[in-house]
């Protein structure tokens, strides 16, 4: 009977979505062309990888990915967090098993959310080199005035 109480307590303290989905997720990152440096910010330690790659992030993190490659315009892709059907089901399961405490755990850990877009796919745009300005048109010079005639 005592072990049953411990099991029930542990279920109530861990949110359903936290248990079934976990508090992290894998984000896939790719680009055209490949070989682009992707800097993932919003994590405890900013991470850099070369596309194609993937990173593991916390579900409750505010993530953005900056893409850069020589000869291409840099891009930044902010990720949003959405409650998905699997997360919503786990969150709702707290009503039966976890109660308010389980809902609080799921909300704090972001276990009921997924980052979007996932996978993150970008098409890099070639950078346009700054065009050299054409030289300014020169004003025509006035012909030199003839030397005054001294009349000798």
C-alpha atoms as a PDB file:
ATOM      1  CA  UNK A   1       0.000   0.000   0.000  1.00  0.00           C
ATOM      2  CA  UNK A   2       2.858   2.347   0.818  1.00  0.00           C
ATOM      3  CA  UNK A   3       4.505   1.761  -2.583  1.00  0.00           C
ATOM      4  CA  UNK A   4       1.197   2.507  -4.287  1.00  0.00           C
ATOM      5  CA  UNK A   5       1.112   5.867  -2.502  1.00  0.00           C
ATOM      6  CA  UNK A   6       4.682   6.646  -3.633  1.00  0.00           C
ATOM      7  CA  UNK A   7       3.818   5.800  -7.237  1.00  0.00           C
ATOM      8  CA  UNK A   8       0.684   7.963  -7.097  1.00  0.00           C
ATOM      9  CA  UNK A   9       2.652  10.861  -5.620  1.00  0.00           C
ATOM     10  CA  UNK A  10       5.363  10.643  -8.282  1.00  0.00           C
ATOM     11  CA  UNK A  11       2.734  10.663 -11.035  1.00  0.00           C
ATOM     12  CA  UNK A  12       1.140  13.745  -9.511  1.00  0.00           C
ATOM     13  CA  UNK A  13       4.455  15.613  -9.228  1.00  0.00           C
ATOM     14  CA  UNK A  14       5.606  14.934 -12.780  1.00  0.00           C
ATOM     15  CA  UNK A  15       3.322  16.358 -15.441  1.00  0.00           C
ATOM     16  CA  UNK A  16       1.837  13.965 -17.974  1.00  0.00           C
ATOM     17  CA  UNK A  17       3.339  15.748 -20.982  1.00  0.00           C
ATOM     18  CA  UNK A  18       6.663  15.966 -19.152  1.00  0.00           C
ATOM     19  CA  UNK A  19       6.620  12.206 -18.740  1.00  0.00           C
ATOM     20  CA  UNK A  20       5.299  11.236 -22.181  1.00  0.00           C
ATOM     21  CA  UNK A  21       7.020  13.855 -24.378  1.00  0.00           C
ATOM     22  CA  UNK A  22      10.010  15.007 -22.368  1.00  0.00           C
ATOM     23  CA  UNK A  23      11.266  18.539 -21.824  1.00  0.00           C
ATOM     24  CA  UNK A  24      13.576  18.653 -24.874  1.00  0.00           C
ATOM     25  CA  UNK A  25      13.123  18.254 -28.605  1.00  0.00           C
ATOM     26  CA  UNK A  26      15.316  17.795 -31.657  1.00  0.00           C
ATOM     27  CA  UNK A  27      15.381  20.654 -34.214  1.00  0.00           C
ATOM     28  CA  UNK A  28      16.549  19.739 -37.732  1.00  0.00           C
ATOM     29  CA  UNK A  29      18.301  22.510 -39.668  1.00  0.00           C
ATOM     30  CA  UNK A  30      19.100  22.548 -43.391  1.00  0.00           C
ATOM     31  CA  UNK A  31      19.852  25.059 -46.098  1.00  0.00           C
ATOM     32  CA  UNK A  32      20.346  25.545 -49.796  1.00  0.00           C
ATOM     33  CA  UNK A  33      23.251  25.559 -50.407  1.00  0.00           C
ATOM     34  CA  UNK A  34      24.464  23.264 -47.644  1.00  0.00           C
ATOM     35  CA  UNK A  35      27.524  24.155 -45.589  1.00  0.00           C
ATOM     36  CA  UNK A  36      25.964  27.271 -44.058  1.00  0.00           C
ATOM     37  CA  UNK A  37      26.910  28.186 -40.492  1.00  0.00           C
ATOM     38  CA  UNK A  38      23.824  28.114 -38.237  1.00  0.00           C
ATOM     39  CA  UNK A  39      24.081  29.844 -34.856  1.00  0.00           C
ATOM     40  CA  UNK A  40      21.308  28.698 -32.506  1.00  0.00           C
ATOM     41  CA  UNK A  41      20.590  31.215 -29.747  1.00  0.00           C
ATOM     42  CA  UNK A  42      18.176  30.974 -26.847  1.00  0.00           C
ATOM     43  CA  UNK A  43      19.885  27.937 -25.378  1.00  0.00           C
ATOM     44  CA  UNK A  44      21.901  27.926 -22.137  1.00  0.00           C
ATOM     45  CA  UNK A  45      25.012  27.863 -24.333  1.00  0.00           C
ATOM     46  CA  UNK A  46      24.664  29.233 -27.896  1.00  0.00           C
ATOM     47  CA  UNK A  47      25.436  26.440 -30.347  1.00  0.00           C
ATOM     48  CA  UNK A  48      26.903  26.604 -33.842  1.00  0.00           C
ATOM     49  CA  UNK A  49      26.606  23.880 -36.449  1.00  0.00           C
ATOM     50  CA  UNK A  50      27.101  23.555 -40.207  1.00  0.00           C
ATOM     51  CA  UNK A  51      24.042  22.625 -42.259  1.00  0.00           C
ATOM     52  CA  UNK A  52      22.617  20.073 -42.502  1.00  0.00           C
ATOM     53  CA  UNK A  53      22.588  19.499 -38.744  1.00  0.00           C
ATOM     54  CA  UNK A  54      20.312  19.089 -35.746  1.00  0.00           C
ATOM     55  CA  UNK A  55      20.328  20.375 -32.183  1.00  0.00           C
ATOM     56  CA  UNK A  56      18.531  19.390 -28.986  1.00  0.00           C
ATOM     57  CA  UNK A  57      16.747  22.314 -27.315  1.00  0.00           C
ATOM     58  CA  UNK A  58      14.530  22.752 -24.284  1.00  0.00           C
ATOM     59  CA  UNK A  59      10.880  22.933 -25.220  1.00  0.00           C
ATOM     60  CA  UNK A  60      10.366  26.124 -23.184  1.00  0.00           C
ATOM     61  CA  UNK A  61      13.314  28.015 -24.775  1.00  0.00           C
ATOM     62  CA  UNK A  62      12.885  31.031 -27.055  1.00  0.00           C
ATOM     63  CA  UNK A  63      14.992  29.891 -30.008  1.00  0.00           C
ATOM     64  CA  UNK A  64      16.236  31.789 -33.053  1.00  0.00           C
ATOM     65  CA  UNK A  65      18.702  30.613 -35.684  1.00  0.00           C
ATOM     66  CA  UNK A  66      21.064  32.939 -37.561  1.00  0.00           C
ATOM     67  CA  UNK A  67      22.421  31.678 -40.888  1.00  0.00           C
ATOM     68  CA  UNK A  68      25.580  33.048 -42.488  1.00  0.00           C
ATOM     69  CA  UNK A  69      27.887  32.082 -45.323  1.00  0.00           C
ATOM     70  CA  UNK A  70      30.449  34.030 -47.320  1.00  0.00           C
ATOM     71  CA  UNK A  71      28.867  35.442 -50.475  1.00  0.00           C
ATOM     72  CA  UNK A  72      25.275  35.183 -49.149  1.00  0.00           C
ATOM     73  CA  UNK A  73      22.930  37.507 -47.306  1.00  0.00           C
ATOM     74  CA  UNK A  74      22.607  36.554 -43.604  1.00  0.00           C
ATOM     75  CA  UNK A  75      19.195  35.372 -42.408  1.00  0.00           C
ATOM     76  CA  UNK A  76      17.584  34.980 -38.978  1.00  0.00           C
ATOM     77  CA  UNK A  77      14.722  32.560 -38.362  1.00  0.00           C
ATOM     78  CA  UNK A  78      12.851  32.957 -35.048  1.00  0.00           C
ATOM     79  CA  UNK A  79      11.068  29.810 -33.872  1.00  0.00           C
ATOM     80  CA  UNK A  80       7.665  29.989 -32.226  1.00  0.00           C
ATOM     81  CA  UNK A  81       6.232  27.583 -29.673  1.00  0.00           C
ATOM     82  CA  UNK A  82       2.879  25.928 -30.345  1.00  0.00           C
ATOM     83  CA  UNK A  83       0.870  23.462 -28.293  1.00  0.00           C
ATOM     84  CA  UNK A  84       0.544  20.332 -30.411  1.00  0.00           C
ATOM     85  CA  UNK A  85      -2.150  17.655 -30.122  1.00  0.00           C
ATOM     86  CA  UNK A  86       0.165  15.214 -28.323  1.00  0.00           C
ATOM     87  CA  UNK A  87       1.196  17.921 -25.885  1.00  0.00           C
ATOM     88  CA  UNK A  88      -2.377  19.032 -25.351  1.00  0.00           C
ATOM     89  CA  UNK A  89      -3.427  15.448 -24.612  1.00  0.00           C
ATOM     90  CA  UNK A  90      -0.634  15.089 -22.067  1.00  0.00           C
ATOM     91  CA  UNK A  91      -1.498  18.444 -20.555  1.00  0.00           C
ATOM     92  CA  UNK A  92      -5.178  17.448 -20.335  1.00  0.00           C
ATOM     93  CA  UNK A  93      -4.171  14.113 -18.793  1.00  0.00           C
ATOM     94  CA  UNK A  94      -3.090  16.107 -15.776  1.00  0.00           C
ATOM     95  CA  UNK A  95      -6.762  16.604 -14.973  1.00  0.00           C
ATOM     96  CA  UNK A  96      -7.048  12.870 -14.339  1.00  0.00           C
ATOM     97  CA  UNK A  97      -3.686  12.044 -12.788  1.00  0.00           C
ATOM     98  CA  UNK A  98      -1.490  15.021 -12.093  1.00  0.00           C
ATOM     99  CA  UNK A  99      -3.910  17.696 -11.041  1.00  0.00           C
ATOM    100  CA  UNK A 100      -2.875  21.309 -10.815  1.00  0.00           C
ATOM    101  CA  UNK A 101       0.693  20.387  -9.829  1.00  0.00           C
ATOM    102  CA  UNK A 102       1.162  18.337 -13.020  1.00  0.00           C
ATOM    103  CA  UNK A 103      -0.239  21.181 -15.108  1.00  0.00           C
ATOM    104  CA  UNK A 104       2.208  23.571 -13.451  1.00  0.00           C
ATOM    105  CA  UNK A 105       5.136  21.252 -14.203  1.00  0.00           C
ATOM    106  CA  UNK A 106       4.109  20.931 -17.849  1.00  0.00           C
ATOM    107  CA  UNK A 107       3.649  24.693 -18.196  1.00  0.00           C
ATOM    108  CA  UNK A 108       7.013  25.461 -16.571  1.00  0.00           C
ATOM    109  CA  UNK A 109       8.974  22.940 -18.634  1.00  0.00           C
ATOM    110  CA  UNK A 110       7.143  23.650 -21.884  1.00  0.00           C
ATOM    111  CA  UNK A 111       6.544  19.911 -22.242  1.00  0.00           C
ATOM    112  CA  UNK A 112       3.240  20.493 -24.035  1.00  0.00           C
ATOM    113  CA  UNK A 113       4.829  22.681 -26.743  1.00  0.00           C
ATOM    114  CA  UNK A 114       6.791  22.152 -29.950  1.00  0.00           C
ATOM    115  CA  UNK A 115       8.970  24.657 -31.808  1.00  0.00           C
ATOM    116  CA  UNK A 116       7.818  25.700 -35.278  1.00  0.00           C
ATOM    117  CA  UNK A 117       9.045  25.519 -37.958  1.00  0.00           C
ATOM    118  CA  UNK A 118      10.704  22.163 -37.500  1.00  0.00           C
ATOM    119  CA  UNK A 119      12.579  21.297 -39.645  1.00  0.00           C
ATOM    120  CA  UNK A 120      14.063  24.735 -40.262  1.00  0.00           C
ATOM    121  CA  UNK A 121      14.907  25.062 -43.976  1.00  0.00           C
ATOM    122  CA  UNK A 122      16.334  28.225 -45.537  1.00  0.00           C
ATOM    123  CA  UNK A 123      17.375  29.182 -49.042  1.00  0.00           C
ATOM    124  CA  UNK A 124      20.290  31.576 -48.898  1.00  0.00           C
ATOM    125  CA  UNK A 125      20.242  34.557 -51.255  1.00  0.00           C
ATOM    126  CA  UNK A 126      23.515  35.593 -52.934  1.00  0.00           C
ATOM    127  CA  UNK A 127      24.755  38.935 -51.707  1.00  0.00           C
ATOM    128  CA  UNK A 128      24.930  41.690 -54.275  1.00  0.00           C
ATOM    129  CA  UNK A 129      28.350  43.313 -54.286  1.00  0.00           C
ATOM    130  CA  UNK A 130      28.275  47.054 -53.834  1.00  0.00           C
ATOM    131  CA  UNK A 131      28.511  48.548 -57.295  1.00  0.00           C
ATOM    132  CA  UNK A 132      31.349  50.920 -57.871  1.00  0.00           C
ATOM    133  CA  UNK A 133      30.010  54.368 -58.468  1.00  0.00           C
ATOM    134  CA  UNK A 134      30.686  55.667 -61.931  1.00  0.00           C
ATOM    135  CA  UNK A 135      32.996  58.653 -61.835  1.00  0.00           C
ATOM    136  CA  UNK A 136      31.215  61.955 -61.593  1.00  0.00           C
ATOM    137  CA  UNK A 137      30.999  63.692 -64.963  1.00  0.00           C
ATOM    138  CA  UNK A 138      33.734  66.253 -65.307  1.00  0.00           C
ATOM    139  CA  UNK A 139      32.916  69.800 -66.144  1.00  0.00           C
ATOM    140  CA  UNK A 140      34.557  70.826 -69.376  1.00  0.00           C
ATOM    141  CA  UNK A 141      37.488  73.126 -68.824  1.00  0.00           C
ATOM    142  CA  UNK A 142      37.372  76.526 -70.330  1.00  0.00           C
ATOM    143  CA  UNK A 143      40.132  77.034 -72.877  1.00  0.00           C
ATOM    144  CA  UNK A 144      42.958  79.093 -71.512  1.00  0.00           C
ATOM    145  CA  UNK A 145      42.603  82.744 -72.359  1.00  0.00           C
ATOM    146  CA  UNK A 146      45.068  83.893 -75.073  1.00  0.00           C
ATOM    147  CA  UNK A 147      47.965  85.901 -73.814  1.00  0.00           C
ATOM    148  CA  UNK A 148      47.333  89.601 -74.177  1.00  0.00           C
ATOM    149  CA  UNK A 149      48.838  91.033 -77.296  1.00  0.00           C
ATOM    150  CA  UNK A 150      51.485  93.564 -76.321  1.00  0.00           C
ATOM    151  CA  UNK A 151      51.648  95.116 -79.783  1.00  0.00           C
ATOM    152  CA  UNK A 152      55.293  95.340 -80.422  1.00  0.00           C
END
